[in-house]
Amino acid sequence: MLTRSSVYASIRKKGEEDDMLKVVTSSSVDKNASAAGQEAGQQITAGLKLPKVAFVYASCDYDLEALLKGFKTAAPNVPFIGNTSFTGVILPQGIIEGESGFVGALALEDEWLAVGVAGLEKKGSAVETGRAVAKLALTKAGRSTPPTYFNMVAPPGEEEFYLKGITEVIGRVPFFGGSAADNSIKGDWKLYTDELITADGVAVAFFYSSKPIANLYTGAYRETSDVGIITKVKDNRVLVEIDGVPALKKYASWRGVAPESLFGGDLLVSTINSPLGVKDRLGDLVAIRHPMNGNPDYSMNIGNNLSEGTAVIRMEGTQDELINSASETLAALKKKADFEPAAYVLVHCGGRRAGMGDRLGEVYRNLKQVAGDVPFICQFTFGEYGYEQDDRNTCGGLMLSYTAFAK
């Protein structure tokens, strides 16, 4: 646990070109929300002359209005996007968590980077709101063409529909991001920008740059031989039947346990190490579907949308594998990127983090070792978004969505 704030900045050496992406991370665990926001904002403006955007992740325990007002006071004219993160964030300085609250941020500055940040409360359907926020982000960026890539933040529940609306406006553009989280799955999560705080809406940051990003999106689970066809779904996210059998009974038979032992929230905890997965059409990606609640009719509430007539696979991962996958995925991202990275934005599932218990320190040490001198921020979400090589944007749960920005 970090007991004081610190700043970790990429420092240009004399003679380096001015067009390099510059990065600063900042944090605070001050008990006073306004003071915490000011402290985090001051560290950014002390390290960068003209930040183009900041990713800001904070505790749901804070008065977010006071926190973000403090941040804007210290870092005026810095567009930001973010959400509440489950129990903490990880920065190069350490694990940022506090009994009264925490905030962590990563800001980017580049002469050749343009960013349009926009957020809207839900009005009408999620698809309609997605269309509207995309149009607003284009206006904010001063552009009429699709971005190079974009970041999205939404609450758990309708992520795929927000994405659908955005895609109808800009087409299939690579994206990354995650769903807002709280500390106890009570619905205390919020998402926000420099102009909006809401529990029910969507925010995006449209990036325009000649410099690429690389994203690695994975559940890092092992497939088992337990496979079935989804034969009945209700309201997009209630899995009613697998192979014509009540879904909870089918899943319990795969695990060799009594289905009644998986009623209610017991299902969520039990499936952190054994969730469900659905493959994309080419088999390149298994998107994890986290069973959330076992119902008396033996149906299962799932954390993401499902479709009848598709196959569902039972996946597995031990606690050690979940812990090791955090840094192994970063190492794989470094190999995947064909450029020198300037920053990493790491979206890590909060459920996976909960399954680690008191071993989060191992994750920090391993991430720091793999990242080396490259600044990074890792948040913990209740839904993760990423893409595969042909820009197949996908939303999932219990996943890792790691993004590298080129220097």
Protein backbone atom coordinates (compact mmCIF):
# COMPACT_ATOMS: atom_id res chain seq x y z
CA MET A 1 0.00 0.00 0.00
CA LEU A 2 1.27 3.47 -0.91
CA THR A 3 1.07 5.85 2.04
CA ARG A 4 2.06 9.01 0.22
CA SER A 5 1.70 10.40 -3.28
CA SER A 6 4.50 10.41 -5.78
CA VAL A 7 5.06 11.19 -9.41
CA TYR A 8 6.64 9.07 -12.09
CA ALA A 9 7.42 10.93 -15.30
CA SER A 10 9.12 10.10 -18.56
CA ILE A 11 11.96 12.59 -18.82
CA ARG A 12 13.33 13.63 -22.17
CA LYS A 13 17.06 13.53 -22.51
CA LYS A 14 18.84 16.40 -24.16
CA GLY A 15 18.76 16.04 -27.92
CA GLU A 16 15.65 13.88 -28.10
CA GLU A 17 13.07 14.87 -30.69
CA ASP A 18 10.16 17.04 -29.62
CA ASP A 19 7.60 14.77 -31.22
CA MET A 20 8.01 12.00 -28.65
CA LEU A 21 5.01 11.05 -26.57
CA LYS A 22 5.53 12.26 -23.02
CA VAL A 23 3.83 10.64 -20.06
CA VAL A 24 3.27 11.41 -16.38
CA THR A 25 1.50 9.34 -13.76
CA SER A 26 0.20 10.80 -10.52
CA SER A 27 -1.68 9.72 -7.43
CA SER A 28 -3.02 10.61 -4.02
CA VAL A 29 -4.54 8.87 -1.03
CA ASP A 30 -5.41 12.06 0.85
CA LYS A 31 -8.51 11.60 3.02
CA ASN A 32 -9.92 14.87 1.71
CA ALA A 33 -11.34 14.31 -1.78
CA SER A 34 -10.71 17.85 -3.00
CA ALA A 35 -7.12 17.80 -1.73
CA ALA A 36 -6.55 14.42 -3.35
CA GLY A 37 -7.76 15.70 -6.70
CA GLN A 38 -5.59 18.79 -6.45
CA GLU A 39 -2.53 16.74 -5.53
CA ALA A 40 -2.99 14.37 -8.48
CA GLY A 41 -3.62 17.27 -10.86
CA GLN A 42 -0.62 19.26 -9.66
CA GLN A 43 1.71 16.35 -10.33
CA ILE A 44 0.51 16.21 -13.93
CA THR A 45 0.91 19.91 -14.65
CA ALA A 46 4.32 19.88 -12.98
CA GLY A 47 5.49 17.18 -15.39
CA LEU A 48 3.80 18.17 -18.66
CA LYS A 49 3.38 21.51 -20.43
CA LEU A 50 0.26 20.78 -22.49
CA PRO A 51 -1.39 17.43 -21.66
CA LYS A 52 -3.80 16.28 -24.34
CA VAL A 53 -5.69 13.77 -22.17
CA ALA A 54 -5.57 12.04 -18.80
CA PHE A 55 -6.92 8.67 -17.68
CA VAL A 56 -8.18 9.13 -14.12
CA TYR A 57 -9.30 6.23 -11.91
CA ALA A 58 -10.55 6.75 -8.38
CA SER A 59 -12.31 5.25 -5.38
CA CYS A 60 -16.10 5.18 -5.13
CA ASP A 61 -15.58 6.13 -1.45
CA TYR A 62 -14.60 9.66 -2.44
CA ASP A 63 -16.97 12.55 -3.02
CA LEU A 64 -16.29 12.42 -6.76
CA GLU A 65 -17.63 15.89 -7.44
CA ALA A 66 -15.14 17.36 -4.96
CA LEU A 67 -12.32 15.11 -6.19
CA LEU A 68 -12.72 16.01 -9.84
CA LYS A 69 -13.26 19.68 -9.10
CA GLY A 70 -9.96 19.64 -7.23
CA PHE A 71 -8.28 17.89 -10.14
CA LYS A 72 -9.59 20.47 -12.62
CA THR A 73 -8.49 23.32 -10.37
CA ALA A 74 -4.92 22.03 -10.38
CA ALA A 75 -4.96 20.85 -14.01
CA PRO A 76 -7.23 23.25 -15.89
CA ASN A 77 -7.91 22.63 -19.57
CA VAL A 78 -6.81 18.98 -19.32
CA PRO A 79 -9.53 16.73 -20.78
CA PHE A 80 -9.87 13.49 -18.83
CA ILE A 81 -11.85 10.27 -18.89
CA GLY A 82 -12.18 7.67 -16.18
CA ASN A 83 -14.24 5.69 -13.72
CA THR A 84 -14.26 4.27 -10.25
CA SER A 85 -11.91 1.29 -9.85
CA PHE A 86 -12.35 -1.78 -7.64
CA THR A 87 -10.31 -1.31 -4.41
CA GLY A 88 -7.32 0.50 -5.96
CA VAL A 89 -5.04 1.07 -8.92
CA ILE A 90 -1.45 0.12 -9.65
CA LEU A 91 1.18 2.61 -10.83
CA PRO A 92 4.96 2.32 -11.11
CA GLN A 93 5.10 3.86 -7.62
CA GLY A 94 3.15 0.98 -6.12
CA ILE A 95 -0.36 -0.14 -5.24
CA ILE A 96 -2.50 2.96 -4.70
CA GLU A 97 -5.20 2.22 -2.15
CA GLY A 98 -6.49 3.94 0.95
CA GLU A 99 -9.07 3.46 3.67
CA SER A 100 -10.72 6.76 2.79
CA GLY A 101 -10.07 6.76 -0.94
CA PHE A 102 -7.48 6.80 -3.72
CA VAL A 103 -6.93 8.34 -7.12
CA GLY A 104 -4.43 7.49 -9.83
CA ALA A 105 -3.92 9.13 -13.22
CA LEU A 106 -1.84 8.83 -16.37
CA ALA A 107 -1.57 11.81 -18.72
CA LEU A 108 -0.28 12.00 -22.30
CA GLU A 109 1.32 14.89 -24.16
CA ASP A 110 2.24 14.85 -27.83
CA GLU A 111 2.37 17.70 -30.34
CA TRP A 112 0.87 15.45 -33.01
CA LEU A 113 -1.89 13.97 -30.87
CA ALA A 114 -5.50 15.20 -30.95
CA VAL A 115 -8.10 13.83 -28.54
CA GLY A 116 -11.83 14.37 -28.32
CA VAL A 117 -13.34 13.44 -24.93
CA ALA A 118 -17.10 13.25 -24.54
CA GLY A 119 -19.59 11.75 -22.11
CA LEU A 120 -23.37 11.60 -21.93
CA GLU A 121 -25.96 10.32 -19.52
CA LYS A 122 -28.15 7.64 -21.05
CA LYS A 123 -31.09 9.13 -22.94
CA GLY A 124 -33.33 6.78 -24.83
CA SER A 125 -31.60 3.48 -25.57
CA ALA A 126 -27.92 2.66 -25.06
CA VAL A 127 -27.53 2.44 -28.86
CA GLU A 128 -28.97 5.92 -29.30
CA THR A 129 -26.74 7.28 -26.55
CA GLY A 130 -23.73 5.62 -28.18
CA ARG A 131 -24.49 7.36 -31.46
CA ALA A 132 -24.87 10.70 -29.71
CA VAL A 133 -21.64 10.43 -27.71
CA ALA A 134 -19.69 9.51 -30.86
CA LYS A 135 -20.96 12.59 -32.66
CA LEU A 136 -20.12 14.75 -29.65
CA ALA A 137 -16.58 13.32 -29.46
CA LEU A 138 -16.03 14.14 -33.13
CA THR A 139 -17.07 17.72 -32.41
CA LYS A 140 -14.80 17.90 -29.35
CA ALA A 141 -11.86 16.70 -31.46
CA GLY A 142 -12.69 19.15 -34.25
CA ARG A 143 -12.81 16.29 -36.75
CA SER A 144 -15.30 14.77 -39.17
CA THR A 145 -13.40 11.53 -39.80
CA PRO A 146 -13.19 8.39 -37.62
CA PRO A 147 -10.46 8.36 -34.95
CA THR A 148 -7.37 6.19 -35.14
CA TYR A 149 -8.58 4.36 -32.04
CA PHE A 150 -10.77 5.12 -29.04
CA ASN A 151 -11.28 4.46 -25.35
CA MET A 152 -14.73 3.71 -23.93
CA VAL A 153 -16.08 3.70 -20.37
CA ALA A 154 -19.56 2.47 -19.42
CA PRO A 155 -21.34 1.00 -16.39
CA PRO A 156 -21.88 -2.76 -16.24
CA GLY A 157 -24.99 -3.84 -18.12
CA GLU A 158 -25.25 -2.46 -21.66
CA GLU A 159 -21.68 -2.13 -22.89
CA GLU A 160 -22.30 -3.95 -26.17
CA PHE A 161 -25.19 -1.64 -27.05
CA TYR A 162 -23.22 1.55 -26.39
CA LEU A 163 -20.48 0.11 -28.60
CA LYS A 164 -23.00 -0.69 -31.32
CA GLY A 165 -24.21 2.92 -31.41
CA ILE A 166 -20.66 4.29 -31.55
CA THR A 167 -19.75 1.87 -34.33
CA GLU A 168 -22.76 2.98 -36.39
CA VAL A 169 -21.22 6.46 -36.47
CA ILE A 170 -17.49 5.81 -36.93
CA GLY A 171 -17.29 2.23 -38.21
CA ARG A 172 -15.07 -0.50 -36.79
CA VAL A 173 -12.26 1.41 -35.12
CA PRO A 174 -9.97 -0.38 -32.62
CA PHE A 175 -10.95 0.34 -29.04
CA PHE A 176 -10.05 -0.47 -25.45
CA GLY A 177 -11.49 0.28 -22.04
CA GLY A 178 -13.46 -1.08 -19.14
CA SER A 179 -16.64 -0.86 -17.09
CA ALA A 180 -16.84 1.21 -13.94
CA ALA A 181 -16.54 -0.72 -10.68
CA ASP A 182 -17.18 -0.23 -6.99
CA ASN A 183 -15.75 -2.09 -4.01
CA SER A 184 -18.66 -4.41 -3.23
CA ILE A 185 -20.87 -4.85 -6.34
CA LYS A 186 -23.54 -2.61 -4.82
CA GLY A 187 -23.88 -0.34 -7.84
CA ASP A 188 -21.88 2.53 -6.36
CA TRP A 189 -19.77 2.84 -9.51
CA LYS A 190 -19.47 6.03 -11.55
CA LEU A 191 -17.90 7.06 -14.84
CA TYR A 192 -16.79 10.58 -15.58
CA THR A 193 -15.09 13.10 -17.83
CA ASP A 194 -14.03 16.69 -17.18
CA GLU A 195 -17.66 17.65 -17.90
CA LEU A 196 -19.76 14.75 -16.57
CA ILE A 197 -20.23 12.37 -13.62
CA THR A 198 -22.85 9.65 -14.03
CA ALA A 199 -23.74 6.10 -13.02
CA ASP A 200 -25.79 5.52 -16.17
CA GLY A 201 -24.25 6.64 -19.43
CA VAL A 202 -21.11 6.33 -21.53
CA ALA A 203 -17.88 8.23 -22.14
CA VAL A 204 -15.33 8.01 -24.94
CA ALA A 205 -11.97 9.47 -25.87
CA PHE A 206 -11.31 9.60 -29.63
CA PHE A 207 -7.60 9.58 -30.46
CA TYR A 208 -6.13 10.98 -33.68
CA SER A 209 -2.45 10.17 -34.10
CA SER A 210 0.05 8.92 -36.64
CA LYS A 211 1.52 6.80 -33.87
CA PRO A 212 0.00 3.35 -33.36
CA ILE A 213 -1.23 1.52 -30.33
CA ALA A 214 -1.18 -2.22 -29.69
CA ASN A 215 -3.84 -4.01 -27.65
CA LEU A 216 -3.75 -7.51 -26.20
CA TYR A 217 -7.14 -8.76 -25.09
CA THR A 218 -7.31 -12.10 -23.33
CA GLY A 219 -8.91 -14.09 -20.57
CA ALA A 220 -5.73 -16.15 -20.13
CA TYR A 221 -7.83 -19.16 -19.13
CA ARG A 222 -7.47 -22.75 -20.35
CA GLU A 223 -10.23 -24.37 -22.38
CA THR A 224 -11.75 -27.58 -21.02
CA SER A 225 -13.61 -30.30 -22.94
CA ASP A 226 -16.90 -29.12 -21.40
CA VAL A 227 -18.70 -27.52 -24.35
CA GLY A 228 -22.42 -27.01 -25.00
CA ILE A 229 -24.77 -25.14 -27.30
CA ILE A 230 -26.70 -22.19 -25.91
CA THR A 231 -30.31 -23.11 -26.57
CA LYS A 232 -32.17 -20.39 -24.65
CA VAL A 233 -31.27 -16.85 -23.59
CA LYS A 234 -33.52 -14.28 -21.93
CA ASP A 235 -32.97 -10.52 -22.02
CA ASN A 236 -29.50 -10.89 -23.57
CA ARG A 237 -27.74 -11.81 -20.33
CA VAL A 238 -29.77 -14.56 -18.67
CA LEU A 239 -28.50 -17.97 -19.76
CA VAL A 240 -31.54 -20.23 -19.45
CA GLU A 241 -30.51 -23.44 -21.19
CA ILE A 242 -27.40 -25.22 -22.46
CA ASP A 243 -28.09 -28.19 -24.73
CA GLY A 244 -31.75 -27.93 -23.73
CA VAL A 245 -30.85 -28.42 -20.04
CA PRO A 246 -31.30 -25.71 -17.37
CA ALA A 247 -28.01 -23.82 -17.57
CA LEU A 248 -27.11 -23.97 -13.89
CA LYS A 249 -27.68 -27.73 -13.78
CA LYS A 250 -25.54 -28.22 -16.89
CA TYR A 251 -22.71 -26.09 -15.51
CA ALA A 252 -22.89 -27.80 -12.10
CA SER A 253 -22.66 -31.22 -13.78
CA TRP A 254 -19.47 -30.12 -15.51
CA ARG A 255 -18.02 -29.08 -12.16
CA GLY A 256 -19.35 -32.10 -10.29
CA VAL A 257 -21.16 -29.99 -7.69
CA ALA A 258 -24.79 -29.59 -6.61
CA PRO A 259 -26.51 -26.82 -8.60
CA GLU A 260 -28.11 -25.55 -5.38
CA SER A 261 -24.61 -24.73 -4.08
CA LEU A 262 -24.38 -22.12 -6.86
CA PHE A 263 -27.54 -20.16 -6.08
CA GLY A 264 -27.31 -16.40 -5.70
CA GLY A 265 -23.94 -14.72 -5.48
CA ASP A 266 -22.19 -18.02 -4.67
CA LEU A 267 -22.08 -18.57 -8.44
CA LEU A 268 -20.04 -15.40 -9.02
CA VAL A 269 -17.35 -16.38 -6.51
CA SER A 270 -17.25 -20.01 -7.62
CA THR A 271 -16.73 -19.12 -11.28
CA ILE A 272 -13.76 -16.77 -10.97
CA ASN A 273 -11.54 -19.79 -11.55
CA SER A 274 -13.95 -21.56 -13.89
CA PRO A 275 -16.02 -19.14 -16.03
CA LEU A 276 -17.61 -19.64 -19.42
CA GLY A 277 -16.18 -18.56 -22.76
CA VAL A 278 -17.41 -17.95 -26.31
CA LYS A 279 -15.11 -18.00 -29.34
CA ASP A 280 -15.14 -15.41 -32.07
CA ARG A 281 -15.90 -16.53 -35.60
CA LEU A 282 -12.26 -17.24 -36.46
CA GLY A 283 -11.31 -18.81 -33.14
CA ASP A 284 -8.66 -16.17 -32.39
CA LEU A 285 -10.31 -14.92 -29.22
CA VAL A 286 -12.24 -16.54 -26.40
CA ALA A 287 -14.35 -13.83 -24.79
CA ILE A 288 -15.00 -14.71 -21.16
CA ARG A 289 -18.57 -14.68 -19.88
CA HIS A 290 -18.66 -14.45 -16.08
CA PRO A 291 -21.67 -16.17 -14.45
CA MET A 292 -22.89 -13.67 -11.85
CA ASN A 293 -25.96 -15.09 -10.13
CA GLY A 294 -27.61 -18.50 -9.86
CA ASN A 295 -31.41 -18.25 -10.02
CA PRO A 296 -34.09 -20.52 -8.43
CA ASP A 297 -35.21 -21.64 -11.91
CA TYR A 298 -31.63 -22.83 -12.56
CA SER A 299 -30.88 -20.07 -15.03
CA MET A 300 -27.69 -18.00 -14.71
CA ASN A 301 -27.23 -14.25 -14.92
CA ILE A 302 -24.16 -13.56 -17.08
CA GLY A 303 -21.96 -10.45 -17.15
CA ASN A 304 -22.14 -9.98 -20.94
CA ASN A 305 -24.47 -10.65 -23.84
CA LEU A 306 -25.01 -14.16 -25.21
CA SER A 307 -26.58 -15.51 -28.39
CA GLU A 308 -28.65 -18.63 -28.91
CA GLY A 309 -27.19 -21.26 -31.22
CA THR A 310 -23.57 -20.57 -30.30
CA ALA A 311 -21.20 -22.74 -28.30
CA VAL A 312 -20.16 -22.00 -24.74
CA ILE A 313 -17.01 -23.47 -23.22
CA ARG A 314 -16.11 -23.99 -19.58
CA MET A 315 -12.74 -22.38 -18.90
CA GLU A 316 -10.26 -22.89 -16.05
CA GLY A 317 -7.53 -20.95 -14.30
CA THR A 318 -5.88 -21.43 -10.93
CA GLN A 319 -5.12 -18.59 -8.53
CA ASP A 320 -1.44 -18.81 -9.46
CA GLU A 321 -2.34 -18.64 -13.15
CA LEU A 322 -4.51 -15.57 -12.62
CA ILE A 323 -1.70 -13.84 -10.73
CA ASN A 324 1.00 -14.75 -13.24
CA SER A 325 -1.17 -13.85 -16.24
CA ALA A 326 -1.15 -10.17 -15.24
CA SER A 327 2.54 -9.77 -16.06
CA GLU A 328 2.71 -12.53 -18.68
CA THR A 329 0.12 -10.64 -20.71
CA LEU A 330 2.18 -7.45 -20.49
CA ALA A 331 5.24 -9.37 -21.69
CA ALA A 332 3.19 -10.73 -24.60
CA LEU A 333 1.98 -7.21 -25.43
CA LYS A 334 5.57 -5.98 -25.61
CA LYS A 335 6.32 -8.72 -28.15
CA LYS A 336 3.17 -7.97 -30.13
CA ALA A 337 3.89 -4.24 -30.44
CA ASP A 338 6.22 -3.41 -33.32
CA PHE A 339 7.27 -0.13 -31.74
CA GLU A 340 8.98 1.29 -28.66
CA PRO A 341 6.29 1.86 -26.03
CA ALA A 342 5.93 5.14 -24.16
CA ALA A 343 3.07 4.09 -21.87
CA TYR A 344 0.81 1.20 -20.92
CA VAL A 345 -2.86 1.48 -19.95
CA LEU A 346 -3.84 -1.80 -18.31
CA VAL A 347 -7.48 -2.77 -17.78
CA HIS A 348 -7.62 -5.68 -15.35
CA CYS A 349 -10.80 -7.41 -14.20
CA GLY A 350 -11.84 -6.68 -10.62
CA GLY A 351 -13.12 -10.24 -10.21
CA ARG A 352 -9.69 -11.62 -11.05
CA ARG A 353 -8.20 -9.19 -8.55
CA ALA A 354 -10.66 -10.42 -5.87
CA GLY A 355 -9.59 -13.99 -6.59
CA MET A 356 -5.99 -13.06 -5.80
CA GLY A 357 -6.74 -12.38 -2.16
CA ASP A 358 -3.78 -10.78 -0.39
CA ARG A 359 -1.31 -11.54 -3.19
CA LEU A 360 -1.70 -8.30 -5.17
CA GLY A 361 1.84 -7.32 -4.21
CA GLU A 362 3.13 -10.13 -6.43
CA VAL A 363 1.21 -8.66 -9.34
CA TYR A 364 2.71 -5.21 -8.77
CA ARG A 365 6.28 -6.49 -8.53
CA ASN A 366 5.90 -8.58 -11.68
CA LEU A 367 4.25 -5.77 -13.65
CA LYS A 368 6.98 -3.33 -12.61
CA GLN A 369 9.69 -5.77 -13.66
CA VAL A 370 8.16 -6.34 -17.09
CA ALA A 371 7.31 -2.66 -17.70
CA GLY A 372 10.79 -1.49 -16.76
CA ASP A 373 11.03 2.29 -17.14
CA VAL A 374 7.81 2.61 -19.14
CA PRO A 375 5.05 4.39 -17.15
CA PHE A 376 1.79 2.48 -16.71
CA ILE A 377 -1.54 2.56 -14.93
CA CYS A 378 -3.60 -0.52 -14.04
CA GLN A 379 -7.25 -0.20 -13.02
CA PHE A 380 -9.69 -2.90 -11.87
CA THR A 381 -13.01 -3.04 -13.71
CA PHE A 382 -16.32 -4.93 -13.86
CA GLY A 383 -16.05 -5.46 -17.62
CA GLU A 384 -13.17 -5.26 -20.10
CA TYR A 385 -13.08 -4.20 -23.77
CA GLY A 386 -10.52 -4.92 -26.48
CA TYR A 387 -10.04 -6.05 -30.05
CA GLU A 388 -8.38 -8.64 -32.23
CA GLN A 389 -6.24 -8.22 -35.32
CA ASP A 390 -9.02 -7.35 -37.76
CA ASP A 391 -10.55 -4.89 -35.32
CA ARG A 392 -13.19 -7.25 -33.96
CA ASN A 393 -14.13 -5.11 -30.97
CA THR A 394 -15.43 -7.19 -28.07
CA CYS A 395 -16.72 -6.74 -24.52
CA GLY A 396 -16.11 -9.39 -21.88
CA GLY A 397 -15.59 -10.04 -18.20
CA LEU A 398 -12.81 -11.63 -16.13
CA MET A 399 -10.43 -10.44 -18.83
CA LEU A 400 -7.31 -8.35 -19.39
CA SER A 401 -7.22 -5.55 -21.95
CA TYR A 402 -3.68 -4.17 -22.14
CA THR A 403 -2.79 -1.27 -24.43
CA ALA A 404 0.63 0.09 -25.41
CA PHE A 405 1.14 3.59 -26.80
CA ALA A 406 4.01 4.15 -29.23
CA LYS A 407 6.69 6.63 -28.23
